[in-house]
Amino acid sequence: MTEDEIKEFFSRLEEKKPEVKKVQFPELVPPPGLERLKIGFDYLEKIIVSVEAQLGQATLKIKDILGLAEGSVIELDRAAGESADLLVNQQRFARGEVVVIGNNFGIRIDSIYEAGKM
């Protein structure tokens, strides 16, 4: 393109300036019946969740699993005495120390994870 052609091209662009319109959005209003969906805290107390304590993990071959018997030991990826993870509905929720209460094991919670930072 020559310089004159370039100038002519830009002059045509300036003549065809696009019209800009302000967008008008409708007012946001809650859907009808929303007030019926308010749930009291008492309702949450009745929800059942799964709680698990995860002492560690191991990866085994099928032949090793088939060879397991009473008294077999599976080495986990955590050291003895290390904290255990507490899972709620299969999501990490907290970390704690394994304790013995009578003939049962328990978890003394040391820390609760922040949502999204586990």
PDB file of N, CA and C in Angstrom:
ATOM      1  N   MET A   1       0.841  -1.188   0.000  1.00  0.00           N
ATOM      2  CA  MET A   1       0.000   0.000   0.000  1.00  0.00           C
ATOM      3  C   MET A   1       0.879   1.241   0.000  1.00  0.00           C
ATOM      4  N   THR A   2       0.412   2.201  -0.734  1.00  0.00           N
ATOM      5  CA  THR A   2       1.113   3.479  -0.753  1.00  0.00           C
ATOM      6  C   THR A   2       0.660   4.299   0.452  1.00  0.00           C
ATOM      7  N   GLU A   3       1.374   5.359   0.669  1.00  0.00           N
ATOM      8  CA  GLU A   3       1.024   6.232   1.794  1.00  0.00           C
ATOM      9  C   GLU A   3      -0.352   6.859   1.596  1.00  0.00           C
ATOM     10  N   ASP A   4      -0.684   7.216   0.380  1.00  0.00           N
ATOM     11  CA  ASP A   4      -1.997   7.797   0.088  1.00  0.00           C
ATOM     12  C   ASP A   4      -3.108   6.772   0.327  1.00  0.00           C
ATOM     13  N   GLU A   5      -2.869   5.532  -0.052  1.00  0.00           N
ATOM     14  CA  GLU A   5      -3.864   4.483   0.166  1.00  0.00           C
ATOM     15  C   GLU A   5      -4.094   4.238   1.662  1.00  0.00           C
ATOM     16  N   ILE A   6      -3.017   4.290   2.423  1.00  0.00           N
ATOM     17  CA  ILE A   6      -3.132   4.122   3.872  1.00  0.00           C
ATOM     18  C   ILE A   6      -3.947   5.260   4.474  1.00  0.00           C
ATOM     19  N   LYS A   7      -3.681   6.507   4.060  1.00  0.00           N
ATOM     20  CA  LYS A   7      -4.427   7.655   4.565  1.00  0.00           C
ATOM     21  C   LYS A   7      -5.897   7.541   4.199  1.00  0.00           C
ATOM     22  N   GLU A   8      -6.182   7.111   2.961  1.00  0.00           N
ATOM     23  CA  GLU A   8      -7.563   6.948   2.522  1.00  0.00           C
ATOM     24  C   GLU A   8      -8.266   5.856   3.350  1.00  0.00           C
ATOM     25  N   PHE A   9      -7.558   4.770   3.621  1.00  0.00           N
ATOM     26  CA  PHE A   9      -8.111   3.680   4.419  1.00  0.00           C
ATOM     27  C   PHE A   9      -8.512   4.159   5.819  1.00  0.00           C
ATOM     28  N   PHE A  10      -7.610   4.879   6.471  1.00  0.00           N
ATOM     29  CA  PHE A  10      -7.903   5.395   7.809  1.00  0.00           C
ATOM     30  C   PHE A  10      -8.992   6.464   7.797  1.00  0.00           C
ATOM     31  N   SER A  11      -9.051   7.260   6.756  1.00  0.00           N
ATOM     32  CA  SER A  11     -10.111   8.277   6.696  1.00  0.00           C
ATOM     33  C   SER A  11     -11.476   7.609   6.562  1.00  0.00           C
ATOM     34  N   ARG A  12     -11.559   6.478   5.817  1.00  0.00           N
ATOM     35  CA  ARG A  12     -12.822   5.749   5.714  1.00  0.00           C
ATOM     36  C   ARG A  12     -13.210   5.136   7.060  1.00  0.00           C
ATOM     37  N   LEU A  13     -12.223   4.668   7.818  1.00  0.00           N
ATOM     38  CA  LEU A  13     -12.506   4.104   9.143  1.00  0.00           C
ATOM     39  C   LEU A  13     -13.057   5.165  10.084  1.00  0.00           C
ATOM     40  N   GLU A  14     -12.514   6.374  10.008  1.00  0.00           N
ATOM     41  CA  GLU A  14     -12.972   7.450  10.874  1.00  0.00           C
ATOM     42  C   GLU A  14     -14.399   7.865  10.535  1.00  0.00           C
ATOM     43  N   GLU A  15     -14.782   7.739   9.276  1.00  0.00           N
ATOM     44  CA  GLU A  15     -16.142   8.078   8.877  1.00  0.00           C
ATOM     45  C   GLU A  15     -17.149   7.078   9.416  1.00  0.00           C
ATOM     46  N   LYS A  16     -16.736   5.842   9.605  1.00  0.00           N
ATOM     47  CA  LYS A  16     -17.630   4.775  10.043  1.00  0.00           C
ATOM     48  C   LYS A  16     -17.428   4.462  11.519  1.00  0.00           C
ATOM     49  N   LYS A  17     -17.490   5.450  12.346  1.00  0.00           N
ATOM     50  CA  LYS A  17     -17.337   5.220  13.778  1.00  0.00           C
ATOM     51  C   LYS A  17     -18.537   4.424  14.285  1.00  0.00           C
ATOM     52  N   PRO A  18     -18.289   3.387  15.034  1.00  0.00           N
ATOM     53  CA  PRO A  18     -19.407   2.575  15.538  1.00  0.00           C
ATOM     54  C   PRO A  18     -20.215   3.338  16.585  1.00  0.00           C
ATOM     55  N   GLU A  19     -21.487   3.054  16.614  1.00  0.00           N
ATOM     56  CA  GLU A  19     -22.361   3.678  17.596  1.00  0.00           C
ATOM     57  C   GLU A  19     -22.307   2.849  18.880  1.00  0.00           C
ATOM     58  N   VAL A  20     -21.980   3.478  19.964  1.00  0.00           N
ATOM     59  CA  VAL A  20     -21.877   2.789  21.250  1.00  0.00           C
ATOM     60  C   VAL A  20     -23.130   3.096  22.053  1.00  0.00           C
ATOM     61  N   LYS A  21     -23.793   2.028  22.494  1.00  0.00           N
ATOM     62  CA  LYS A  21     -25.013   2.202  23.280  1.00  0.00           C
ATOM     63  C   LYS A  21     -24.780   1.656  24.681  1.00  0.00           C
ATOM     64  N   LYS A  22     -25.357   2.326  25.651  1.00  0.00           N
ATOM     65  CA  LYS A  22     -25.275   1.859  27.017  1.00  0.00           C
ATOM     66  C   LYS A  22     -26.266   0.699  27.193  1.00  0.00           C
ATOM     67  N   VAL A  23     -25.794  -0.360  27.799  1.00  0.00           N
ATOM     68  CA  VAL A  23     -26.631  -1.541  28.002  1.00  0.00           C
ATOM     69  C   VAL A  23     -27.520  -1.333  29.221  1.00  0.00           C
ATOM     70  N   GLN A  24     -28.770  -1.696  29.094  1.00  0.00           N
ATOM     71  CA  GLN A  24     -29.715  -1.598  30.205  1.00  0.00           C
ATOM     72  C   GLN A  24     -30.052  -3.014  30.675  1.00  0.00           C
ATOM     73  N   PHE A  25     -29.655  -3.331  31.892  1.00  0.00           N
ATOM     74  CA  PHE A  25     -29.954  -4.635  32.464  1.00  0.00           C
ATOM     75  C   PHE A  25     -31.211  -4.536  33.312  1.00  0.00           C
ATOM     76  N   PRO A  26     -32.023  -5.583  33.322  1.00  0.00           N
ATOM     77  CA  PRO A  26     -33.213  -5.542  34.178  1.00  0.00           C
ATOM     78  C   PRO A  26     -32.795  -5.600  35.652  1.00  0.00           C
ATOM     79  N   GLU A  27     -33.629  -5.072  36.500  1.00  0.00           N
ATOM     80  CA  GLU A  27     -33.353  -5.075  37.934  1.00  0.00           C
ATOM     81  C   GLU A  27     -33.390  -6.521  38.450  1.00  0.00           C
ATOM     82  N   LEU A  28     -32.430  -6.855  39.282  1.00  0.00           N
ATOM     83  CA  LEU A  28     -32.386  -8.194  39.848  1.00  0.00           C
ATOM     84  C   LEU A  28     -33.379  -8.300  40.997  1.00  0.00           C
ATOM     85  N   VAL A  29     -34.247  -9.263  40.905  1.00  0.00           N
ATOM     86  CA  VAL A  29     -35.220  -9.502  41.969  1.00  0.00           C
ATOM     87  C   VAL A  29     -35.182 -10.983  42.319  1.00  0.00           C
ATOM     88  N   PRO A  30     -35.329 -11.320  43.603  1.00  0.00           N
ATOM     89  CA  PRO A  30     -35.324 -12.726  43.979  1.00  0.00           C
ATOM     90  C   PRO A  30     -36.508 -13.463  43.373  1.00  0.00           C
ATOM     91  N   PRO A  31     -36.317 -14.741  43.075  1.00  0.00           N
ATOM     92  CA  PRO A  31     -37.427 -15.502  42.496  1.00  0.00           C
ATOM     93  C   PRO A  31     -38.546 -15.673  43.512  1.00  0.00           C
ATOM     94  N   PRO A  32     -39.767 -15.868  43.049  1.00  0.00           N
ATOM     95  CA  PRO A  32     -40.883 -16.042  43.983  1.00  0.00           C
ATOM     96  C   PRO A  32     -40.710 -17.322  44.796  1.00  0.00           C
ATOM     97  N   GLY A  33     -41.107 -17.267  46.056  1.00  0.00           N
ATOM     98  CA  GLY A  33     -41.037 -18.432  46.937  1.00  0.00           C
ATOM     99  C   GLY A  33     -39.701 -18.593  47.643  1.00  0.00           C
ATOM    100  N   LEU A  34     -38.767 -17.653  47.450  1.00  0.00           N
ATOM    101  CA  LEU A  34     -37.445 -17.776  48.069  1.00  0.00           C
ATOM    102  C   LEU A  34     -37.539 -17.761  49.589  1.00  0.00           C
ATOM    103  N   GLU A  35     -38.491 -17.037  50.132  1.00  0.00           N
ATOM    104  CA  GLU A  35     -38.614 -16.947  51.594  1.00  0.00           C
ATOM    105  C   GLU A  35     -38.916 -18.316  52.215  1.00  0.00           C
ATOM    106  N   ARG A  36     -39.480 -19.232  51.454  1.00  0.00           N
ATOM    107  CA  ARG A  36     -39.787 -20.567  51.987  1.00  0.00           C
ATOM    108  C   ARG A  36     -38.532 -21.422  52.117  1.00  0.00           C
ATOM    109  N   LEU A  37     -37.440 -21.027  51.462  1.00  0.00           N
ATOM    110  CA  LEU A  37     -36.227 -21.832  51.465  1.00  0.00           C
ATOM    111  C   LEU A  37     -35.312 -21.559  52.653  1.00  0.00           C
ATOM    112  N   LYS A  38     -35.650 -20.622  53.491  1.00  0.00           N
ATOM    113  CA  LYS A  38     -34.814 -20.336  54.656  1.00  0.00           C
ATOM    114  C   LYS A  38     -34.880 -21.528  55.602  1.00  0.00           C
ATOM    115  N   ILE A  39     -33.711 -22.065  55.925  1.00  0.00           N
ATOM    116  CA  ILE A  39     -33.638 -23.264  56.756  1.00  0.00           C
ATOM    117  C   ILE A  39     -32.997 -22.896  58.084  1.00  0.00           C
ATOM    118  N   GLY A  40     -33.602 -23.315  59.145  1.00  0.00           N
ATOM    119  CA  GLY A  40     -33.056 -23.052  60.471  1.00  0.00           C
ATOM    120  C   GLY A  40     -31.850 -23.933  60.762  1.00  0.00           C
ATOM    121  N   PHE A  41     -31.040 -23.513  61.704  1.00  0.00           N
ATOM    122  CA  PHE A  41     -29.837 -24.249  62.088  1.00  0.00           C
ATOM    123  C   PHE A  41     -30.199 -25.624  62.646  1.00  0.00           C
ATOM    124  N   ASP A  42     -31.387 -25.762  63.241  1.00  0.00           N
ATOM    125  CA  ASP A  42     -31.820 -27.051  63.780  1.00  0.00           C
ATOM    126  C   ASP A  42     -31.861 -28.121  62.695  1.00  0.00           C
ATOM    127  N   TYR A  43     -32.180 -27.730  61.476  1.00  0.00           N
ATOM    128  CA  TYR A  43     -32.239 -28.676  60.374  1.00  0.00           C
ATOM    129  C   TYR A  43     -30.866 -29.304  60.112  1.00  0.00           C
ATOM    130  N   LEU A  44     -29.808 -28.493  60.212  1.00  0.00           N
ATOM    131  CA  LEU A  44     -28.457 -28.985  59.957  1.00  0.00           C
ATOM    132  C   LEU A  44     -28.017 -30.017  60.983  1.00  0.00           C
ATOM    133  N   GLU A  45     -28.532 -29.930  62.192  1.00  0.00           N
ATOM    134  CA  GLU A  45     -28.136 -30.867  63.245  1.00  0.00           C
ATOM    135  C   GLU A  45     -28.560 -32.294  62.933  1.00  0.00           C
ATOM    136  N   LYS A  46     -29.505 -32.485  62.031  1.00  0.00           N
ATOM    137  CA  LYS A  46     -30.019 -33.814  61.718  1.00  0.00           C
ATOM    138  C   LYS A  46     -29.302 -34.466  60.533  1.00  0.00           C
ATOM    139  N   ILE A  47     -28.405 -33.738  59.889  1.00  0.00           N
ATOM    140  CA  ILE A  47     -27.707 -34.276  58.720  1.00  0.00           C
ATOM    141  C   ILE A  47     -26.595 -35.214  59.190  1.00  0.00           C
ATOM    142  N   ILE A  48     -26.553 -36.390  58.587  1.00  0.00           N
ATOM    143  CA  ILE A  48     -25.548 -37.397  58.944  1.00  0.00           C
ATOM    144  C   ILE A  48     -24.388 -37.297  57.953  1.00  0.00           C
ATOM    145  N   VAL A  49     -23.165 -37.279  58.482  1.00  0.00           N
ATOM    146  CA  VAL A  49     -21.965 -37.243  57.638  1.00  0.00           C
ATOM    147  C   VAL A  49     -21.050 -38.387  58.031  1.00  0.00           C
ATOM    148  N   SER A  50     -20.191 -38.777  57.109  1.00  0.00           N
ATOM    149  CA  SER A  50     -19.210 -39.831  57.358  1.00  0.00           C
ATOM    150  C   SER A  50     -17.936 -39.192  57.909  1.00  0.00           C
ATOM    151  N   VAL A  51     -17.412 -39.710  59.021  1.00  0.00           N
ATOM    152  CA  VAL A  51     -16.169 -39.202  59.620  1.00  0.00           C
ATOM    153  C   VAL A  51     -15.173 -40.353  59.664  1.00  0.00           C
ATOM    154  N   GLU A  52     -13.969 -40.118  59.114  1.00  0.00           N
ATOM    155  CA  GLU A  52     -12.925 -41.139  59.075  1.00  0.00           C
ATOM    156  C   GLU A  52     -11.630 -40.552  59.598  1.00  0.00           C
ATOM    157  N   ALA A  53     -10.821 -41.403  60.203  1.00  0.00           N
ATOM    158  CA  ALA A  53      -9.467 -41.021  60.598  1.00  0.00           C
ATOM    159  C   ALA A  53      -8.510 -41.747  59.667  1.00  0.00           C
ATOM    160  N   GLN A  54      -7.628 -41.013  59.018  1.00  0.00           N
ATOM    161  CA  GLN A  54      -6.700 -41.601  58.066  1.00  0.00           C
ATOM    162  C   GLN A  54      -5.299 -41.577  58.678  1.00  0.00           C
ATOM    163  N   LEU A  55      -4.825 -42.754  59.036  1.00  0.00           N
ATOM    164  CA  LEU A  55      -3.517 -42.866  59.667  1.00  0.00           C
ATOM    165  C   LEU A  55      -2.381 -42.829  58.663  1.00  0.00           C
ATOM    166  N   GLY A  56      -2.677 -43.158  57.430  1.00  0.00           N
ATOM    167  CA  GLY A  56      -1.660 -43.170  56.382  1.00  0.00           C
ATOM    168  C   GLY A  56      -2.164 -43.952  55.193  1.00  0.00           C
ATOM    169  N   GLN A  57      -1.302 -44.093  54.193  1.00  0.00           N
ATOM    170  CA  GLN A  57      -1.674 -44.809  52.986  1.00  0.00           C
ATOM    171  C   GLN A  57      -0.538 -45.719  52.564  1.00  0.00           C
ATOM    172  N   ALA A  58      -0.883 -46.731  51.779  1.00  0.00           N
ATOM    173  CA  ALA A  58       0.112 -47.633  51.217  1.00  0.00           C
ATOM    174  C   ALA A  58      -0.370 -48.058  49.838  1.00  0.00           C
ATOM    175  N   THR A  59       0.568 -48.341  48.962  1.00  0.00           N
ATOM    176  CA  THR A  59       0.257 -48.861  47.640  1.00  0.00           C
ATOM    177  C   THR A  59       0.819 -50.275  47.574  1.00  0.00           C
ATOM    178  N   LEU A  60      -0.056 -51.218  47.270  1.00  0.00           N
ATOM    179  CA  LEU A  60       0.343 -52.619  47.227  1.00  0.00           C
ATOM    180  C   LEU A  60       0.004 -53.234  45.884  1.00  0.00           C
ATOM    181  N   LYS A  61       0.768 -54.247  45.503  1.00  0.00           N
ATOM    182  CA  LYS A  61       0.441 -55.032  44.321  1.00  0.00           C
ATOM    183  C   LYS A  61      -0.626 -56.046  44.706  1.00  0.00           C
ATOM    184  N   ILE A  62      -1.411 -56.485  43.734  1.00  0.00           N
ATOM    185  CA  ILE A  62      -2.470 -57.455  43.984  1.00  0.00           C
ATOM    186  C   ILE A  62      -1.904 -58.714  44.632  1.00  0.00           C
ATOM    187  N   LYS A  63      -0.746 -59.178  44.166  1.00  0.00           N
ATOM    188  CA  LYS A  63      -0.179 -60.408  44.742  1.00  0.00           C
ATOM    189  C   LYS A  63       0.149 -60.221  46.221  1.00  0.00           C
ATOM    190  N   ASP A  64       0.564 -59.006  46.620  1.00  0.00           N
ATOM    191  CA  ASP A  64       0.848 -58.740  48.034  1.00  0.00           C
ATOM    192  C   ASP A  64      -0.440 -58.726  48.853  1.00  0.00           C
ATOM    193  N   ILE A  65      -1.525 -58.178  48.279  1.00  0.00           N
ATOM    194  CA  ILE A  65      -2.818 -58.151  48.975  1.00  0.00           C
ATOM    195  C   ILE A  65      -3.337 -59.570  49.167  1.00  0.00           C
ATOM    196  N   LEU A  66      -3.194 -60.403  48.133  1.00  0.00           N
ATOM    197  CA  LEU A  66      -3.648 -61.798  48.227  1.00  0.00           C
ATOM    198  C   LEU A  66      -2.847 -62.580  49.264  1.00  0.00           C
ATOM    199  N   GLY A  67      -1.636 -62.135  49.556  1.00  0.00           N
ATOM    200  CA  GLY A  67      -0.799 -62.811  50.538  1.00  0.00           C
ATOM    201  C   GLY A  67      -1.018 -62.344  51.966  1.00  0.00           C
ATOM    202  N   LEU A  68      -1.913 -61.365  52.179  1.00  0.00           N
ATOM    203  CA  LEU A  68      -2.157 -60.869  53.535  1.00  0.00           C
ATOM    204  C   LEU A  68      -2.884 -61.915  54.370  1.00  0.00           C
ATOM    205  N   ALA A  69      -2.525 -61.979  55.634  1.00  0.00           N
ATOM    206  CA  ALA A  69      -3.173 -62.903  56.570  1.00  0.00           C
ATOM    207  C   ALA A  69      -3.172 -62.247  57.941  1.00  0.00           C
ATOM    208  N   GLU A  70      -3.813 -62.879  58.907  1.00  0.00           N
ATOM    209  CA  GLU A  70      -3.799 -62.335  60.265  1.00  0.00           C
ATOM    210  C   GLU A  70      -2.359 -62.170  60.716  1.00  0.00           C
ATOM    211  N   GLY A  71      -2.073 -61.024  61.289  1.00  0.00           N
ATOM    212  CA  GLY A  71      -0.725 -60.748  61.758  1.00  0.00           C
ATOM    213  C   GLY A  71       0.152 -60.047  60.735  1.00  0.00           C
ATOM    214  N   SER A  72      -0.323 -59.938  59.469  1.00  0.00           N
ATOM    215  CA  SER A  72       0.450 -59.229  58.447  1.00  0.00           C
ATOM    216  C   SER A  72       0.541 -57.756  58.817  1.00  0.00           C
ATOM    217  N   VAL A  73       1.638 -57.121  58.423  1.00  0.00           N
ATOM    218  CA  VAL A  73       1.850 -55.700  58.701  1.00  0.00           C
ATOM    219  C   VAL A  73       1.976 -54.966  57.369  1.00  0.00           C
ATOM    220  N   ILE A  74       1.221 -53.875  57.233  1.00  0.00           N
ATOM    221  CA  ILE A  74       1.310 -53.022  56.045  1.00  0.00           C
ATOM    222  C   ILE A  74       1.984 -51.732  56.466  1.00  0.00           C
ATOM    223  N   GLU A  75       3.082 -51.401  55.805  1.00  0.00           N
ATOM    224  CA  GLU A  75       3.816 -50.181  56.137  1.00  0.00           C
ATOM    225  C   GLU A  75       3.119 -48.985  55.496  1.00  0.00           C
ATOM    226  N   LEU A  76       2.771 -48.000  56.318  1.00  0.00           N
ATOM    227  CA  LEU A  76       2.100 -46.792  55.848  1.00  0.00           C
ATOM    228  C   LEU A  76       3.122 -45.711  55.525  1.00  0.00           C
ATOM    229  N   ASP A  77       2.661 -44.665  54.858  1.00  0.00           N
ATOM    230  CA  ASP A  77       3.555 -43.580  54.444  1.00  0.00           C
ATOM    231  C   ASP A  77       3.788 -42.538  55.532  1.00  0.00           C
ATOM    232  N   ARG A  78       3.407 -42.833  56.767  1.00  0.00           N
ATOM    233  CA  ARG A  78       3.632 -41.901  57.883  1.00  0.00           C
ATOM    234  C   ARG A  78       4.389 -42.614  58.990  1.00  0.00           C
ATOM    235  N   ALA A  79       5.143 -41.842  59.725  1.00  0.00           N
ATOM    236  CA  ALA A  79       5.912 -42.405  60.838  1.00  0.00           C
ATOM    237  C   ALA A  79       4.997 -42.625  62.036  1.00  0.00           C
ATOM    238  N   ALA A  80       5.371 -43.564  62.889  1.00  0.00           N
ATOM    239  CA  ALA A  80       4.610 -43.820  64.113  1.00  0.00           C
ATOM    240  C   ALA A  80       4.593 -42.551  64.952  1.00  0.00           C
ATOM    241  N   GLY A  81       3.439 -42.226  65.527  1.00  0.00           N
ATOM    242  CA  GLY A  81       3.309 -41.038  66.360  1.00  0.00           C
ATOM    243  C   GLY A  81       2.998 -39.773  65.585  1.00  0.00           C
ATOM    244  N   GLU A  82       3.013 -39.845  64.262  1.00  0.00           N
ATOM    245  CA  GLU A  82       2.686 -38.671  63.446  1.00  0.00           C
ATOM    246  C   GLU A  82       1.184 -38.426  63.483  1.00  0.00           C
ATOM    247  N   SER A  83       0.766 -37.201  63.252  1.00  0.00           N
ATOM    248  CA  SER A  83      -0.650 -36.842  63.278  1.00  0.00           C
ATOM    249  C   SER A  83      -1.435 -37.603  62.216  1.00  0.00           C
ATOM    250  N   ALA A  84      -2.729 -37.767  62.476  1.00  0.00           N
ATOM    251  CA  ALA A  84      -3.634 -38.421  61.532  1.00  0.00           C
ATOM    252  C   ALA A  84      -4.582 -37.378  60.964  1.00  0.00           C
ATOM    253  N   ASP A  85      -5.012 -37.593  59.731  1.00  0.00           N
ATOM    254  CA  ASP A  85      -5.997 -36.705  59.104  1.00  0.00           C
ATOM    255  C   ASP A  85      -7.389 -37.155  59.480  1.00  0.00           C
ATOM    256  N   LEU A  86      -8.267 -36.195  59.701  1.00  0.00           N
ATOM    257  CA  LEU A  86      -9.682 -36.465  59.961  1.00  0.00           C
ATOM    258  C   LEU A  86     -10.437 -36.042  58.705  1.00  0.00           C
ATOM    259  N   LEU A  87     -11.208 -36.964  58.127  1.00  0.00           N
ATOM    260  CA  LEU A  87     -11.959 -36.700  56.907  1.00  0.00           C
ATOM    261  C   LEU A  87     -13.448 -36.671  57.221  1.00  0.00           C
ATOM    262  N   VAL A  88     -14.148 -35.698  56.658  1.00  0.00           N
ATOM    263  CA  VAL A  88     -15.593 -35.615  56.778  1.00  0.00           C
ATOM    264  C   VAL A  88     -16.140 -35.715  55.356  1.00  0.00           C
ATOM    265  N   ASN A  89     -16.955 -36.735  55.108  1.00  0.00           N
ATOM    266  CA  ASN A  89     -17.456 -37.024  53.763  1.00  0.00           C
ATOM    267  C   ASN A  89     -16.320 -37.079  52.744  1.00  0.00           C
ATOM    268  N   GLN A  90     -15.252 -37.765  53.108  1.00  0.00           N
ATOM    269  CA  GLN A  90     -14.075 -38.008  52.268  1.00  0.00           C
ATOM    270  C   GLN A  90     -13.296 -36.746  51.921  1.00  0.00           C
ATOM    271  N   GLN A  91     -13.503 -35.657  52.668  1.00  0.00           N
ATOM    272  CA  GLN A  91     -12.760 -34.419  52.471  1.00  0.00           C
ATOM    273  C   GLN A  91     -11.943 -34.139  53.725  1.00  0.00           C
ATOM    274  N   ARG A  92     -10.642 -33.796  53.547  1.00  0.00           N
ATOM    275  CA  ARG A  92      -9.809 -33.486  54.717  1.00  0.00           C
ATOM    276  C   ARG A  92     -10.423 -32.316  55.472  1.00  0.00           C
ATOM    277  N   PHE A  93     -10.599 -32.500  56.760  1.00  0.00           N
ATOM    278  CA  PHE A  93     -11.263 -31.498  57.591  1.00  0.00           C
ATOM    279  C   PHE A  93     -10.341 -30.998  58.697  1.00  0.00           C
ATOM    280  N   ALA A  94      -9.629 -31.940  59.333  1.00  0.00           N
ATOM    281  CA  ALA A  94      -8.786 -31.571  60.476  1.00  0.00           C
ATOM    282  C   ALA A  94      -7.622 -32.536  60.583  1.00  0.00           C
ATOM    283  N   ARG A  95      -6.733 -32.222  61.499  1.00  0.00           N
ATOM    284  CA  ARG A  95      -5.571 -33.067  61.774  1.00  0.00           C
ATOM    285  C   ARG A  95      -5.503 -33.233  63.279  1.00  0.00           C
ATOM    286  N   GLY A  96      -5.129 -34.430  63.727  1.00  0.00           N
ATOM    287  CA  GLY A  96      -5.086 -34.641  65.162  1.00  0.00           C
ATOM    288  C   GLY A  96      -4.172 -35.764  65.576  1.00  0.00           C
ATOM    289  N   GLU A  97      -4.069 -35.916  66.871  1.00  0.00           N
ATOM    290  CA  GLU A  97      -3.213 -36.927  67.497  1.00  0.00           C
ATOM    291  C   GLU A  97      -4.059 -38.146  67.844  1.00  0.00           C
ATOM    292  N   VAL A  98      -3.547 -39.322  67.514  1.00  0.00           N
ATOM    293  CA  VAL A  98      -4.257 -40.556  67.847  1.00  0.00           C
ATOM    294  C   VAL A  98      -4.107 -40.804  69.343  1.00  0.00           C
ATOM    295  N   VAL A  99      -5.221 -41.062  70.019  1.00  0.00           N
ATOM    296  CA  VAL A  99      -5.218 -41.334  71.458  1.00  0.00           C
ATOM    297  C   VAL A  99      -5.959 -42.644  71.723  1.00  0.00           C
ATOM    298  N   VAL A 100      -5.687 -43.237  72.854  1.00  0.00           N
ATOM    299  CA  VAL A 100      -6.373 -44.462  73.263  1.00  0.00           C
ATOM    300  C   VAL A 100      -7.305 -44.108  74.408  1.00  0.00           C
ATOM    301  N   ILE A 101      -8.589 -44.469  74.255  1.00  0.00           N
ATOM    302  CA  ILE A 101      -9.591 -44.217  75.285  1.00  0.00           C
ATOM    303  C   ILE A 101     -10.186 -45.566  75.661  1.00  0.00           C
ATOM    304  N   GLY A 102      -9.756 -46.093  76.798  1.00  0.00           N
ATOM    305  CA  GLY A 102     -10.190 -47.447  77.172  1.00  0.00           C
ATOM    306  C   GLY A 102      -9.642 -48.436  76.167  1.00  0.00           C
ATOM    307  N   ASN A 103     -10.520 -49.182  75.512  1.00  0.00           N
ATOM    308  CA  ASN A 103     -10.100 -50.132  74.484  1.00  0.00           C
ATOM    309  C   ASN A 103     -10.285 -49.586  73.072  1.00  0.00           C
ATOM    310  N   ASN A 104     -10.566 -48.295  72.944  1.00  0.00           N
ATOM    311  CA  ASN A 104     -10.837 -47.691  71.639  1.00  0.00           C
ATOM    312  C   ASN A 104      -9.791 -46.640  71.281  1.00  0.00           C
ATOM    313  N   PHE A 105      -9.669 -46.395  69.996  1.00  0.00           N
ATOM    314  CA  PHE A 105      -8.826 -45.307  69.520  1.00  0.00           C
ATOM    315  C   PHE A 105      -9.683 -44.064  69.323  1.00  0.00           C
ATOM    316  N   GLY A 106      -9.067 -42.911  69.427  1.00  0.00           N
ATOM    317  CA  GLY A 106      -9.747 -41.650  69.178  1.00  0.00           C
ATOM    318  C   GLY A 106      -8.771 -40.672  68.552  1.00  0.00           C
ATOM    319  N   ILE A 107      -9.264 -39.500  68.212  1.00  0.00           N
ATOM    320  CA  ILE A 107      -8.427 -38.438  67.636  1.00  0.00           C
ATOM    321  C   ILE A 107      -8.619 -37.179  68.474  1.00  0.00           C
ATOM    322  N   ARG A 108      -7.520 -36.636  68.976  1.00  0.00           N
ATOM    323  CA  ARG A 108      -7.551 -35.331  69.639  1.00  0.00           C
ATOM    324  C   ARG A 108      -7.183 -34.307  68.573  1.00  0.00           C
ATOM    325  N   ILE A 109      -8.135 -33.443  68.207  1.00  0.00           N
ATOM    326  CA  ILE A 109      -7.938 -32.512  67.093  1.00  0.00           C
ATOM    327  C   ILE A 109      -6.939 -31.424  67.473  1.00  0.00           C
ATOM    328  N   ASP A 110      -5.906 -31.291  66.630  1.00  0.00           N
ATOM    329  CA  ASP A 110      -4.877 -30.260  66.813  1.00  0.00           C
ATOM    330  C   ASP A 110      -5.204 -29.013  65.994  1.00  0.00           C
ATOM    331  N   SER A 111      -5.685 -29.239  64.769  1.00  0.00           N
ATOM    332  CA  SER A 111      -5.964 -28.099  63.888  1.00  0.00           C
ATOM    333  C   SER A 111      -7.078 -28.458  62.910  1.00  0.00           C
ATOM    334  N   ILE A 112      -7.823 -27.436  62.516  1.00  0.00           N
ATOM    335  CA  ILE A 112      -8.888 -27.590  61.530  1.00  0.00           C
ATOM    336  C   ILE A 112      -8.453 -26.830  60.290  1.00  0.00           C
ATOM    337  N   TYR A 113      -8.542 -27.492  59.141  1.00  0.00           N
ATOM    338  CA  TYR A 113      -8.107 -26.879  57.905  1.00  0.00           C
ATOM    339  C   TYR A 113      -9.063 -25.770  57.466  1.00  0.00           C
ATOM    340  N   GLU A 114      -8.497 -24.739  56.829  1.00  0.00           N
ATOM    341  CA  GLU A 114      -9.333 -23.698  56.226  1.00  0.00           C
ATOM    342  C   GLU A 114      -9.897 -24.253  54.928  1.00  0.00           C
ATOM    343  N   ALA A 115     -11.111 -23.908  54.604  1.00  0.00           N
ATOM    344  CA  ALA A 115     -11.744 -24.378  53.368  1.00  0.00           C
ATOM    345  C   ALA A 115     -10.889 -23.965  52.164  1.00  0.00           C
ATOM    346  N   GLY A 116     -10.624 -24.924  51.276  1.00  0.00           N
ATOM    347  CA  GLY A 116      -9.860 -24.649  50.073  1.00  0.00           C
ATOM    348  C   GLY A 116      -8.354 -24.646  50.256  1.00  0.00           C
ATOM    349  N   LYS A 117      -7.832 -24.829  51.470  1.00  0.00           N
ATOM    350  CA  LYS A 117      -6.379 -24.800  51.707  1.00  0.00           C
ATOM    351  C   LYS A 117      -5.920 -26.108  52.342  1.00  0.00           C
ATOM    352  N   MET A 118      -6.343 -27.215  51.761  1.00  0.00           N
ATOM    353  CA  MET A 118      -6.001 -28.495  52.373  1.00  0.00           C
ATOM    354  C   MET A 118      -4.918 -29.178  51.609  1.00  0.00           C
TER     355      MET A 118
END
